[in-house]
Amino acid sequence: RGYAGHDPFDGLNSRLFQATPLKHSPFARLVLTQAVKRSPVNLRPLL
């Protein structure tokens, strides 16, 4: 895999999130980071 992959804390790399004004909100950034990290399923393909 070329030593590339996902990380528990990479939720803010979401192209969907970065396209919204929420990317400027510390609270929204924290919520998304923790939601993606804690999800029992991998949400990254959707995001």
ModelCIF file with pLDDT and N, C-alpha, C, O atoms, coordinates in Angstrom:
data_MODEL
#
_entry.id   MODEL 
#
_entity.id                         1 
_entity.type                       polymer 
_entity.pdbx_number_of_molecules   1 
#
_entity_poly.entity_id                      1 
_entity_poly.type                           'polypeptide(L)' 
_entity_poly.nstd_linkage                   no 
_entity_poly.nstd_monomer                   no 
_entity_poly.pdbx_seq_one_letter_code       RGYAGHDPFDGLNSRLFQATPLKHSPFARLVLTQAVKRSPVNLRPLL 
_entity_poly.pdbx_seq_one_letter_code_can   RGYAGHDPFDGLNSRLFQATPLKHSPFARLVLTQAVKRSPVNLRPLL 
_entity_poly.pdbx_strand_id                 A 
#
loop_
_entity_poly_seq.entity_id 
_entity_poly_seq.num 
_entity_poly_seq.mon_id 
_entity_poly_seq.hetero 
1 1  ARG n 
1 2  GLY n 
1 3  TYR n 
1 4  ALA n 
1 5  GLY n 
1 6  HIS n 
1 7  ASP n 
1 8  PRO n 
1 9  PHE n 
1 10 ASP n 
1 11 GLY n 
1 12 LEU n 
1 13 ASN n 
1 14 SER n 
1 15 ARG n 
1 16 LEU n 
1 17 PHE n 
1 18 GLN n 
1 19 ALA n 
1 20 THR n 
1 21 PRO n 
1 22 LEU n 
1 23 LYS n 
1 24 HIS n 
1 25 SER n 
1 26 PRO n 
1 27 PHE n 
1 28 ALA n 
1 29 ARG n 
1 30 LEU n 
1 31 VAL n 
1 32 LEU n 
1 33 THR n 
1 34 GLN n 
1 35 ALA n 
1 36 VAL n 
1 37 LYS n 
1 38 ARG n 
1 39 SER n 
1 40 PRO n 
1 41 VAL n 
1 42 ASN n 
1 43 LEU n 
1 44 ARG n 
1 45 PRO n 
1 46 LEU n 
1 47 LEU n 
#
_struct_asym.id          A 
_struct_asym.entity_id   1 
#
loop_
_ma_qa_metric.id 
_ma_qa_metric.mode 
_ma_qa_metric.name 
_ma_qa_metric.software_group_id 
_ma_qa_metric.type 
1 global pLDDT . pLDDT 
2 local  pLDDT . pLDDT 
#
_ma_qa_metric_global.metric_id      1 
_ma_qa_metric_global.metric_value   95.00 
_ma_qa_metric_global.model_id       1 
_ma_qa_metric_global.ordinal_id     1 
#
loop_
_ma_qa_metric_local.label_asym_id 
_ma_qa_metric_local.label_comp_id 
_ma_qa_metric_local.label_seq_id 
_ma_qa_metric_local.metric_id 
_ma_qa_metric_local.metric_value 
_ma_qa_metric_local.model_id 
_ma_qa_metric_local.ordinal_id 
A ARG 1  2 97.00 1 1  
A GLY 2  2 97.00 1 2  
A TYR 3  2 98.00 1 3  
A ALA 4  2 97.00 1 4  
A GLY 5  2 97.00 1 5  
A HIS 6  2 97.00 1 6  
A ASP 7  2 96.00 1 7  
A PRO 8  2 95.00 1 8  
A PHE 9  2 95.00 1 9  
A ASP 10 2 96.00 1 10 
A GLY 11 2 96.00 1 11 
A LEU 12 2 96.00 1 12 
A ASN 13 2 96.00 1 13 
A SER 14 2 97.00 1 14 
A ARG 15 2 96.00 1 15 
A LEU 16 2 96.00 1 16 
A PHE 17 2 96.00 1 17 
A GLN 18 2 96.00 1 18 
A ALA 19 2 96.00 1 19 
A THR 20 2 96.00 1 20 
A PRO 21 2 96.00 1 21 
A LEU 22 2 95.00 1 22 
A LYS 23 2 94.00 1 23 
A HIS 24 2 95.00 1 24 
A SER 25 2 96.00 1 25 
A PRO 26 2 95.00 1 26 
A PHE 27 2 95.00 1 27 
A ALA 28 2 97.00 1 28 
A ARG 29 2 97.00 1 29 
A LEU 30 2 96.00 1 30 
A VAL 31 2 96.00 1 31 
A LEU 32 2 96.00 1 32 
A THR 33 2 95.00 1 33 
A GLN 34 2 94.00 1 34 
A ALA 35 2 94.00 1 35 
A VAL 36 2 94.00 1 36 
A LYS 37 2 93.00 1 37 
A ARG 38 2 89.00 1 38 
A SER 39 2 90.00 1 39 
A PRO 40 2 87.00 1 40 
A VAL 41 2 89.00 1 41 
A ASN 42 2 92.00 1 42 
A LEU 43 2 94.00 1 43 
A ARG 44 2 95.00 1 44 
A PRO 45 2 94.00 1 45 
A LEU 46 2 95.00 1 46 
A LEU 47 2 96.00 1 47 
#
loop_
_atom_site.group_PDB 
_atom_site.id 
_atom_site.type_symbol 
_atom_site.label_atom_id 
_atom_site.label_alt_id 
_atom_site.label_comp_id 
_atom_site.label_asym_id 
_atom_site.label_entity_id 
_atom_site.label_seq_id 
_atom_site.pdbx_PDB_ins_code 
_atom_site.Cartn_x 
_atom_site.Cartn_y 
_atom_site.Cartn_z 
_atom_site.occupancy 
_atom_site.B_iso_or_equiv 
_atom_site.pdbx_formal_charge 
_atom_site.auth_seq_id 
_atom_site.auth_comp_id 
_atom_site.auth_asym_id 
_atom_site.auth_atom_id 
_atom_site.pdbx_PDB_model_num 
ATOM 1   N N  . ARG A 1 1  ? 0.815   -1.217 0.000  1.00 97.00 ? 1  ARG A N  1 
ATOM 2   C CA . ARG A 1 1  ? 0.000   0.000  0.000  1.00 97.00 ? 1  ARG A CA 1 
ATOM 3   C C  . ARG A 1 1  ? 0.846   1.262  0.000  1.00 97.00 ? 1  ARG A C  1 
ATOM 4   O O  . ARG A 1 1  ? 0.340   2.361  0.229  1.00 97.00 ? 1  ARG A O  1 
ATOM 5   N N  . GLY A 1 2  ? 2.126   1.097  -0.256 1.00 97.00 ? 2  GLY A N  1 
ATOM 6   C CA . GLY A 1 2  ? 3.002   2.251  -0.308 1.00 97.00 ? 2  GLY A CA 1 
ATOM 7   C C  . GLY A 1 2  ? 3.122   2.979  1.009  1.00 97.00 ? 2  GLY A C  1 
ATOM 8   O O  . GLY A 1 2  ? 3.463   4.161  1.030  1.00 97.00 ? 2  GLY A O  1 
ATOM 9   N N  . TYR A 1 3  ? 2.846   2.291  2.128  1.00 98.00 ? 3  TYR A N  1 
ATOM 10  C CA . TYR A 1 3  ? 2.936   2.851  3.480  1.00 98.00 ? 3  TYR A CA 1 
ATOM 11  C C  . TYR A 1 3  ? 1.999   4.048  3.678  1.00 98.00 ? 3  TYR A C  1 
ATOM 12  O O  . TYR A 1 3  ? 2.238   4.898  4.535  1.00 98.00 ? 3  TYR A O  1 
ATOM 13  N N  . ALA A 1 4  ? 0.939   4.104  2.881  1.00 97.00 ? 4  ALA A N  1 
ATOM 14  C CA . ALA A 1 4  ? -0.045  5.185  2.994  1.00 97.00 ? 4  ALA A CA 1 
ATOM 15  C C  . ALA A 1 4  ? -1.359  4.616  3.519  1.00 97.00 ? 4  ALA A C  1 
ATOM 16  O O  . ALA A 1 4  ? -1.715  3.478  3.211  1.00 97.00 ? 4  ALA A O  1 
ATOM 17  N N  . GLY A 1 5  ? -2.070  5.400  4.302  1.00 97.00 ? 5  GLY A N  1 
ATOM 18  C CA . GLY A 1 5  ? -3.343  4.948  4.840  1.00 97.00 ? 5  GLY A CA 1 
ATOM 19  C C  . GLY A 1 5  ? -4.040  6.054  5.601  1.00 97.00 ? 5  GLY A C  1 
ATOM 20  O O  . GLY A 1 5  ? -3.687  7.228  5.483  1.00 97.00 ? 5  GLY A O  1 
ATOM 21  N N  . HIS A 1 6  ? -5.031  5.669  6.380  1.00 97.00 ? 6  HIS A N  1 
ATOM 22  C CA . HIS A 1 6  ? -5.791  6.629  7.186  1.00 97.00 ? 6  HIS A CA 1 
ATOM 23  C C  . HIS A 1 6  ? -5.235  6.702  8.603  1.00 97.00 ? 6  HIS A C  1 
ATOM 24  O O  . HIS A 1 6  ? -4.384  5.908  9.002  1.00 97.00 ? 6  HIS A O  1 
ATOM 25  N N  . ASP A 1 7  ? -5.742  7.679  9.349  1.00 96.00 ? 7  ASP A N  1 
ATOM 26  C CA . ASP A 1 7  ? -5.288  7.943  10.708 1.00 96.00 ? 7  ASP A CA 1 
ATOM 27  C C  . ASP A 1 7  ? -6.507  8.246  11.564 1.00 96.00 ? 7  ASP A C  1 
ATOM 28  O O  . ASP A 1 7  ? -7.482  8.794  11.050 1.00 96.00 ? 7  ASP A O  1 
ATOM 29  N N  . PRO A 1 8  ? -6.493  7.909  12.854 1.00 95.00 ? 8  PRO A N  1 
ATOM 30  C CA . PRO A 1 8  ? -7.652  8.236  13.695 1.00 95.00 ? 8  PRO A CA 1 
ATOM 31  C C  . PRO A 1 8  ? -8.023  9.719  13.684 1.00 95.00 ? 8  PRO A C  1 
ATOM 32  O O  . PRO A 1 8  ? -9.186  10.063 13.894 1.00 95.00 ? 8  PRO A O  1 
ATOM 33  N N  . PHE A 1 9  ? -7.055  10.597 13.443 1.00 95.00 ? 9  PHE A N  1 
ATOM 34  C CA . PHE A 1 9  ? -7.290  12.032 13.589 1.00 95.00 ? 9  PHE A CA 1 
ATOM 35  C C  . PHE A 1 9  ? -7.350  12.775 12.252 1.00 95.00 ? 9  PHE A C  1 
ATOM 36  O O  . PHE A 1 9  ? -7.207  13.998 12.222 1.00 95.00 ? 9  PHE A O  1 
ATOM 37  N N  . ASP A 1 10 ? -7.560  12.050 11.143 1.00 96.00 ? 10 ASP A N  1 
ATOM 38  C CA . ASP A 1 10 ? -7.500  12.715 9.838  1.00 96.00 ? 10 ASP A CA 1 
ATOM 39  C C  . ASP A 1 10 ? -8.862  13.164 9.311  1.00 96.00 ? 10 ASP A C  1 
ATOM 40  O O  . ASP A 1 10 ? -8.982  13.459 8.122  1.00 96.00 ? 10 ASP A O  1 
ATOM 41  N N  . GLY A 1 11 ? -9.889  13.225 10.157 1.00 96.00 ? 11 GLY A N  1 
ATOM 42  C CA . GLY A 1 11 ? -11.229 13.592 9.705  1.00 96.00 ? 11 GLY A CA 1 
ATOM 43  C C  . GLY A 1 11 ? -11.302 14.944 9.038  1.00 96.00 ? 11 GLY A C  1 
ATOM 44  O O  . GLY A 1 11 ? -12.125 15.146 8.145  1.00 96.00 ? 11 GLY A O  1 
ATOM 45  N N  . LEU A 1 12 ? -10.452 15.884 9.453  1.00 96.00 ? 12 LEU A N  1 
ATOM 46  C CA . LEU A 1 12 ? -10.502 17.224 8.870  1.00 96.00 ? 12 LEU A CA 1 
ATOM 47  C C  . LEU A 1 12 ? -9.933  17.266 7.456  1.00 96.00 ? 12 LEU A C  1 
ATOM 48  O O  . LEU A 1 12 ? -9.983  18.310 6.805  1.00 96.00 ? 12 LEU A O  1 
ATOM 49  N N  . ASN A 1 13 ? -9.396  16.157 6.975  1.00 96.00 ? 13 ASN A N  1 
ATOM 50  C CA . ASN A 1 13 ? -8.999  16.065 5.573  1.00 96.00 ? 13 ASN A CA 1 
ATOM 51  C C  . ASN A 1 13 ? -10.196 15.828 4.656  1.00 96.00 ? 13 ASN A C  1 
ATOM 52  O O  . ASN A 1 13 ? -10.037 15.716 3.440  1.00 96.00 ? 13 ASN A O  1 
ATOM 53  N N  . SER A 1 14 ? -11.394 15.751 5.237  1.00 97.00 ? 14 SER A N  1 
ATOM 54  C CA . SER A 1 14 ? -12.609 15.516 4.456  1.00 97.00 ? 14 SER A CA 1 
ATOM 55  C C  . SER A 1 14 ? -12.819 16.614 3.414  1.00 97.00 ? 14 SER A C  1 
ATOM 56  O O  . SER A 1 14 ? -12.870 17.798 3.748  1.00 97.00 ? 14 SER A O  1 
ATOM 57  N N  . ARG A 1 15 ? -12.937 16.212 2.165  1.00 96.00 ? 15 ARG A N  1 
ATOM 58  C CA . ARG A 1 15 ? -13.206 17.198 1.102  1.00 96.00 ? 15 ARG A CA 1 
ATOM 59  C C  . ARG A 1 15 ? -14.577 17.832 1.287  1.00 96.00 ? 15 ARG A C  1 
ATOM 60  O O  . ARG A 1 15 ? -14.770 19.007 0.973  1.00 96.00 ? 15 ARG A O  1 
ATOM 61  N N  . LEU A 1 16 ? -15.533 17.051 1.799  1.00 96.00 ? 16 LEU A N  1 
ATOM 62  C CA . LEU A 1 16 ? -16.871 17.610 2.034  1.00 96.00 ? 16 LEU A CA 1 
ATOM 63  C C  . LEU A 1 16 ? -16.829 18.676 3.118  1.00 96.00 ? 16 LEU A C  1 
ATOM 64  O O  . LEU A 1 16 ? -17.396 19.755 2.948  1.00 96.00 ? 16 LEU A O  1 
ATOM 65  N N  . PHE A 1 17 ? -16.167 18.385 4.221  1.00 96.00 ? 17 PHE A N  1 
ATOM 66  C CA . PHE A 1 17 ? -16.090 19.348 5.324  1.00 96.00 ? 17 PHE A CA 1 
ATOM 67  C C  . PHE A 1 17 ? -15.343 20.602 4.900  1.00 96.00 ? 17 PHE A C  1 
ATOM 68  O O  . PHE A 1 17 ? -15.763 21.711 5.228  1.00 96.00 ? 17 PHE A O  1 
ATOM 69  N N  . GLN A 1 18 ? -14.242 20.442 4.175  1.00 96.00 ? 18 GLN A N  1 
ATOM 70  C CA . GLN A 1 18 ? -13.439 21.589 3.765  1.00 96.00 ? 18 GLN A CA 1 
ATOM 71  C C  . GLN A 1 18 ? -14.176 22.497 2.784  1.00 96.00 ? 18 GLN A C  1 
ATOM 72  O O  . GLN A 1 18 ? -13.781 23.645 2.579  1.00 96.00 ? 18 GLN A O  1 
ATOM 73  N N  . ALA A 1 19 ? -15.246 21.983 2.179  1.00 96.00 ? 19 ALA A N  1 
ATOM 74  C CA . ALA A 1 19 ? -16.039 22.796 1.241  1.00 96.00 ? 19 ALA A CA 1 
ATOM 75  C C  . ALA A 1 19 ? -17.120 23.600 1.938  1.00 96.00 ? 19 ALA A C  1 
ATOM 76  O O  . ALA A 1 19 ? -17.870 24.315 1.273  1.00 96.00 ? 19 ALA A O  1 
ATOM 77  N N  . THR A 1 20 ? -17.225 23.505 3.278  1.00 96.00 ? 20 THR A N  1 
ATOM 78  C CA . THR A 1 20 ? -18.262 24.208 4.028  1.00 96.00 ? 20 THR A CA 1 
ATOM 79  C C  . THR A 1 20 ? -17.655 25.282 4.927  1.00 96.00 ? 20 THR A C  1 
ATOM 80  O O  . THR A 1 20 ? -16.463 25.227 5.232  1.00 96.00 ? 20 THR A O  1 
ATOM 81  N N  . PRO A 1 21 ? -18.457 26.257 5.356  1.00 96.00 ? 21 PRO A N  1 
ATOM 82  C CA . PRO A 1 21 ? -17.953 27.271 6.293  1.00 96.00 ? 21 PRO A CA 1 
ATOM 83  C C  . PRO A 1 21 ? -17.599 26.692 7.656  1.00 96.00 ? 21 PRO A C  1 
ATOM 84  O O  . PRO A 1 21 ? -16.901 27.338 8.438  1.00 96.00 ? 21 PRO A O  1 
ATOM 85  N N  . LEU A 1 22 ? -18.070 25.484 7.953  1.00 95.00 ? 22 LEU A N  1 
ATOM 86  C CA . LEU A 1 22 ? -17.774 24.872 9.249  1.00 95.00 ? 22 LEU A CA 1 
ATOM 87  C C  . LEU A 1 22 ? -16.287 24.650 9.467  1.00 95.00 ? 22 LEU A C  1 
ATOM 88  O O  . LEU A 1 22 ? -15.837 24.491 10.602 1.00 95.00 ? 22 LEU A O  1 
ATOM 89  N N  . LYS A 1 23 ? -15.523 24.638 8.380  1.00 94.00 ? 23 LYS A N  1 
ATOM 90  C CA . LYS A 1 23 ? -14.083 24.409 8.535  1.00 94.00 ? 23 LYS A CA 1 
ATOM 91  C C  . LYS A 1 23 ? -13.412 25.511 9.353  1.00 94.00 ? 23 LYS A C  1 
ATOM 92  O O  . LYS A 1 23 ? -12.293 25.333 9.835  1.00 94.00 ? 23 LYS A O  1 
ATOM 93  N N  . HIS A 1 24 ? -14.094 26.652 9.511  1.00 95.00 ? 24 HIS A N  1 
ATOM 94  C CA . HIS A 1 24 ? -13.538 27.766 10.290 1.00 95.00 ? 24 HIS A CA 1 
ATOM 95  C C  . HIS A 1 24 ? -13.940 27.708 11.757 1.00 95.00 ? 24 HIS A C  1 
ATOM 96  O O  . HIS A 1 24 ? -13.478 28.528 12.551 1.00 95.00 ? 24 HIS A O  1 
ATOM 97  N N  . SER A 1 25 ? -14.789 26.760 12.132 1.00 96.00 ? 25 SER A N  1 
ATOM 98  C CA . SER A 1 25 ? -15.295 26.674 13.506 1.00 96.00 ? 25 SER A CA 1 
ATOM 99  C C  . SER A 1 25 ? -14.472 25.685 14.327 1.00 96.00 ? 25 SER A C  1 
ATOM 100 O O  . SER A 1 25 ? -14.436 24.503 13.985 1.00 96.00 ? 25 SER A O  1 
ATOM 101 N N  . PRO A 1 26 ? -13.803 26.131 15.409 1.00 95.00 ? 26 PRO A N  1 
ATOM 102 C CA . PRO A 1 26 ? -13.065 25.194 16.267 1.00 95.00 ? 26 PRO A CA 1 
ATOM 103 C C  . PRO A 1 26 ? -13.962 24.094 16.822 1.00 95.00 ? 26 PRO A C  1 
ATOM 104 O O  . PRO A 1 26 ? -13.550 22.937 16.907 1.00 95.00 ? 26 PRO A O  1 
ATOM 105 N N  . PHE A 1 27 ? -15.209 24.459 17.205 1.00 95.00 ? 27 PHE A N  1 
ATOM 106 C CA . PHE A 1 27 ? -16.113 23.454 17.759 1.00 95.00 ? 27 PHE A CA 1 
ATOM 107 C C  . PHE A 1 27 ? -16.470 22.402 16.717 1.00 95.00 ? 27 PHE A C  1 
ATOM 108 O O  . PHE A 1 27 ? -16.459 21.205 17.004 1.00 95.00 ? 27 PHE A O  1 
ATOM 109 N N  . ALA A 1 28 ? -16.787 22.855 15.500 1.00 97.00 ? 28 ALA A N  1 
ATOM 110 C CA . ALA A 1 28 ? -17.135 21.913 14.426 1.00 97.00 ? 28 ALA A CA 1 
ATOM 111 C C  . ALA A 1 28 ? -15.946 21.037 14.073 1.00 97.00 ? 28 ALA A C  1 
ATOM 112 O O  . ALA A 1 28 ? -16.111 19.845 13.814 1.00 97.00 ? 28 ALA A O  1 
ATOM 113 N N  . ARG A 1 29 ? -14.751 21.610 14.060 1.00 97.00 ? 29 ARG A N  1 
ATOM 114 C CA . ARG A 1 29 ? -13.552 20.817 13.765 1.00 97.00 ? 29 ARG A CA 1 
ATOM 115 C C  . ARG A 1 29 ? -13.334 19.739 14.826 1.00 97.00 ? 29 ARG A C  1 
ATOM 116 O O  . ARG A 1 29 ? -12.999 18.599 14.504 1.00 97.00 ? 29 ARG A O  1 
ATOM 117 N N  . LEU A 1 30 ? -13.524 20.108 16.085 1.00 96.00 ? 30 LEU A N  1 
ATOM 118 C CA . LEU A 1 30 ? -13.335 19.136 17.172 1.00 96.00 ? 30 LEU A CA 1 
ATOM 119 C C  . LEU A 1 30 ? -14.386 18.038 17.102 1.00 96.00 ? 30 LEU A C  1 
ATOM 120 O O  . LEU A 1 30 ? -14.069 16.861 17.273 1.00 96.00 ? 30 LEU A O  1 
ATOM 121 N N  . VAL A 1 31 ? -15.637 18.418 16.852 1.00 96.00 ? 31 VAL A N  1 
ATOM 122 C CA . VAL A 1 31 ? -16.716 17.430 16.778 1.00 96.00 ? 31 VAL A CA 1 
ATOM 123 C C  . VAL A 1 31 ? -16.463 16.450 15.641 1.00 96.00 ? 31 VAL A C  1 
ATOM 124 O O  . VAL A 1 31 ? -16.590 15.240 15.829 1.00 96.00 ? 31 VAL A O  1 
ATOM 125 N N  . LEU A 1 32 ? -16.107 16.957 14.467 1.00 96.00 ? 32 LEU A N  1 
ATOM 126 C CA . LEU A 1 32 ? -15.885 16.063 13.337 1.00 96.00 ? 32 LEU A CA 1 
ATOM 127 C C  . LEU A 1 32 ? -14.698 15.136 13.602 1.00 96.00 ? 32 LEU A C  1 
ATOM 128 O O  . LEU A 1 32 ? -14.777 13.936 13.338 1.00 96.00 ? 32 LEU A O  1 
ATOM 129 N N  . THR A 1 33 ? -13.611 15.682 14.117 1.00 95.00 ? 33 THR A N  1 
ATOM 130 C CA . THR A 1 33 ? -12.431 14.856 14.405 1.00 95.00 ? 33 THR A CA 1 
ATOM 131 C C  . THR A 1 33 ? -12.784 13.705 15.331 1.00 95.00 ? 33 THR A C  1 
ATOM 132 O O  . THR A 1 33 ? -12.410 12.560 15.076 1.00 95.00 ? 33 THR A O  1 
ATOM 133 N N  . GLN A 1 34 ? -13.504 14.006 16.405 1.00 94.00 ? 34 GLN A N  1 
ATOM 134 C CA . GLN A 1 34 ? -13.837 12.976 17.385 1.00 94.00 ? 34 GLN A CA 1 
ATOM 135 C C  . GLN A 1 34 ? -14.895 12.013 16.847 1.00 94.00 ? 34 GLN A C  1 
ATOM 136 O O  . GLN A 1 34 ? -14.851 10.819 17.144 1.00 94.00 ? 34 GLN A O  1 
ATOM 137 N N  . ALA A 1 35 ? -15.842 12.518 16.061 1.00 94.00 ? 35 ALA A N  1 
ATOM 138 C CA . ALA A 1 35 ? -16.875 11.638 15.507 1.00 94.00 ? 35 ALA A CA 1 
ATOM 139 C C  . ALA A 1 35 ? -16.265 10.613 14.562 1.00 94.00 ? 35 ALA A C  1 
ATOM 140 O O  . ALA A 1 35 ? -16.610 9.433  14.616 1.00 94.00 ? 35 ALA A O  1 
ATOM 141 N N  . VAL A 1 36 ? -15.363 11.060 13.697 1.00 94.00 ? 36 VAL A N  1 
ATOM 142 C CA . VAL A 1 36 ? -14.718 10.139 12.755 1.00 94.00 ? 36 VAL A CA 1 
ATOM 143 C C  . VAL A 1 36 ? -13.821 9.161  13.506 1.00 94.00 ? 36 VAL A C  1 
ATOM 144 O O  . VAL A 1 36 ? -13.775 7.976  13.178 1.00 94.00 ? 36 VAL A O  1 
ATOM 145 N N  . LYS A 1 37 ? -13.112 9.661  14.510 1.00 93.00 ? 37 LYS A N  1 
ATOM 146 C CA . LYS A 1 37 ? -12.215 8.818  15.293 1.00 93.00 ? 37 LYS A CA 1 
ATOM 147 C C  . LYS A 1 37 ? -12.980 7.744  16.059 1.00 93.00 ? 37 LYS A C  1 
ATOM 148 O O  . LYS A 1 37 ? -12.532 6.599  16.124 1.00 93.00 ? 37 LYS A O  1 
ATOM 149 N N  . ARG A 1 38 ? -14.116 8.092  16.635 1.00 89.00 ? 38 ARG A N  1 
ATOM 150 C CA . ARG A 1 38 ? -14.839 7.186  17.518 1.00 89.00 ? 38 ARG A CA 1 
ATOM 151 C C  . ARG A 1 38 ? -15.859 6.302  16.807 1.00 89.00 ? 38 ARG A C  1 
ATOM 152 O O  . ARG A 1 38 ? -16.412 5.392  17.426 1.00 89.00 ? 38 ARG A O  1 
ATOM 153 N N  . SER A 1 39 ? -16.116 6.541  15.547 1.00 90.00 ? 39 SER A N  1 
ATOM 154 C CA . SER A 1 39 ? -17.136 5.778  14.832 1.00 90.00 ? 39 SER A CA 1 
ATOM 155 C C  . SER A 1 39 ? -16.756 4.300  14.745 1.00 90.00 ? 39 SER A C  1 
ATOM 156 O O  . SER A 1 39 ? -15.604 3.976  14.455 1.00 90.00 ? 39 SER A O  1 
ATOM 157 N N  . PRO A 1 40 ? -17.720 3.390  14.995 1.00 87.00 ? 40 PRO A N  1 
ATOM 158 C CA . PRO A 1 40 ? -17.427 1.954  14.874 1.00 87.00 ? 40 PRO A CA 1 
ATOM 159 C C  . PRO A 1 40 ? -17.220 1.515  13.430 1.00 87.00 ? 40 PRO A C  1 
ATOM 160 O O  . PRO A 1 40 ? -16.692 0.431  13.183 1.00 87.00 ? 40 PRO A O  1 
ATOM 161 N N  . VAL A 1 41 ? -17.628 2.343  12.478 1.00 89.00 ? 41 VAL A N  1 
ATOM 162 C CA . VAL A 1 41 ? -17.386 2.054  11.058 1.00 89.00 ? 41 VAL A CA 1 
ATOM 163 C C  . VAL A 1 41 ? -16.559 3.191  10.473 1.00 89.00 ? 41 VAL A C  1 
ATOM 164 O O  . VAL A 1 41 ? -16.583 4.314  10.977 1.00 89.00 ? 41 VAL A O  1 
ATOM 165 N N  . ASN A 1 42 ? -15.839 2.894  9.421  1.00 92.00 ? 42 ASN A N  1 
ATOM 166 C CA . ASN A 1 42 ? -14.964 3.880  8.802  1.00 92.00 ? 42 ASN A CA 1 
ATOM 167 C C  . ASN A 1 42 ? -15.776 4.832  7.922  1.00 92.00 ? 42 ASN A C  1 
ATOM 168 O O  . ASN A 1 42 ? -16.280 4.432  6.873  1.00 92.00 ? 42 ASN A O  1 
ATOM 169 N N  . LEU A 1 43 ? -15.902 6.088  8.351  1.00 94.00 ? 43 LEU A N  1 
ATOM 170 C CA . LEU A 1 43 ? -16.691 7.088  7.631  1.00 94.00 ? 43 LEU A CA 1 
ATOM 171 C C  . LEU A 1 43 ? -15.903 7.798  6.537  1.00 94.00 ? 43 LEU A C  1 
ATOM 172 O O  . LEU A 1 43 ? -16.476 8.579  5.777  1.00 94.00 ? 43 LEU A O  1 
ATOM 173 N N  . ARG A 1 44 ? -14.616 7.544  6.444  1.00 95.00 ? 44 ARG A N  1 
ATOM 174 C CA . ARG A 1 44 ? -13.770 8.338  5.564  1.00 95.00 ? 44 ARG A CA 1 
ATOM 175 C C  . ARG A 1 44 ? -14.144 8.241  4.088  1.00 95.00 ? 44 ARG A C  1 
ATOM 176 O O  . ARG A 1 44 ? -14.124 9.261  3.398  1.00 95.00 ? 44 ARG A O  1 
ATOM 177 N N  . PRO A 1 45 ? -14.483 7.056  3.574  1.00 94.00 ? 45 PRO A N  1 
ATOM 178 C CA . PRO A 1 45 ? -14.890 7.024  2.159  1.00 94.00 ? 45 PRO A CA 1 
ATOM 179 C C  . PRO A 1 45 ? -16.093 7.914  1.866  1.00 94.00 ? 45 PRO A C  1 
ATOM 180 O O  . PRO A 1 45 ? -16.162 8.534  0.805  1.00 94.00 ? 45 PRO A O  1 
ATOM 181 N N  . LEU A 1 46 ? -17.038 7.980  2.799  1.00 95.00 ? 46 LEU A N  1 
ATOM 182 C CA . LEU A 1 46 ? -18.209 8.832  2.604  1.00 95.00 ? 46 LEU A CA 1 
ATOM 183 C C  . LEU A 1 46 ? -17.856 10.309 2.682  1.00 95.00 ? 46 LEU A C  1 
ATOM 184 O O  . LEU A 1 46 ? -18.460 11.130 1.991  1.00 95.00 ? 46 LEU A O  1 
ATOM 185 N N  . LEU A 1 47 ? -16.882 10.653 3.519  1.00 96.00 ? 47 LEU A N  1 
ATOM 186 C CA . LEU A 1 47 ? -16.521 12.051 3.743  1.00 96.00 ? 47 LEU A CA 1 
ATOM 187 C C  . LEU A 1 47 ? -15.453 12.555 2.782  1.00 96.00 ? 47 LEU A C  1 
ATOM 188 O O  . LEU A 1 47 ? -15.053 13.716 2.857  1.00 96.00 ? 47 LEU A O  1 
#
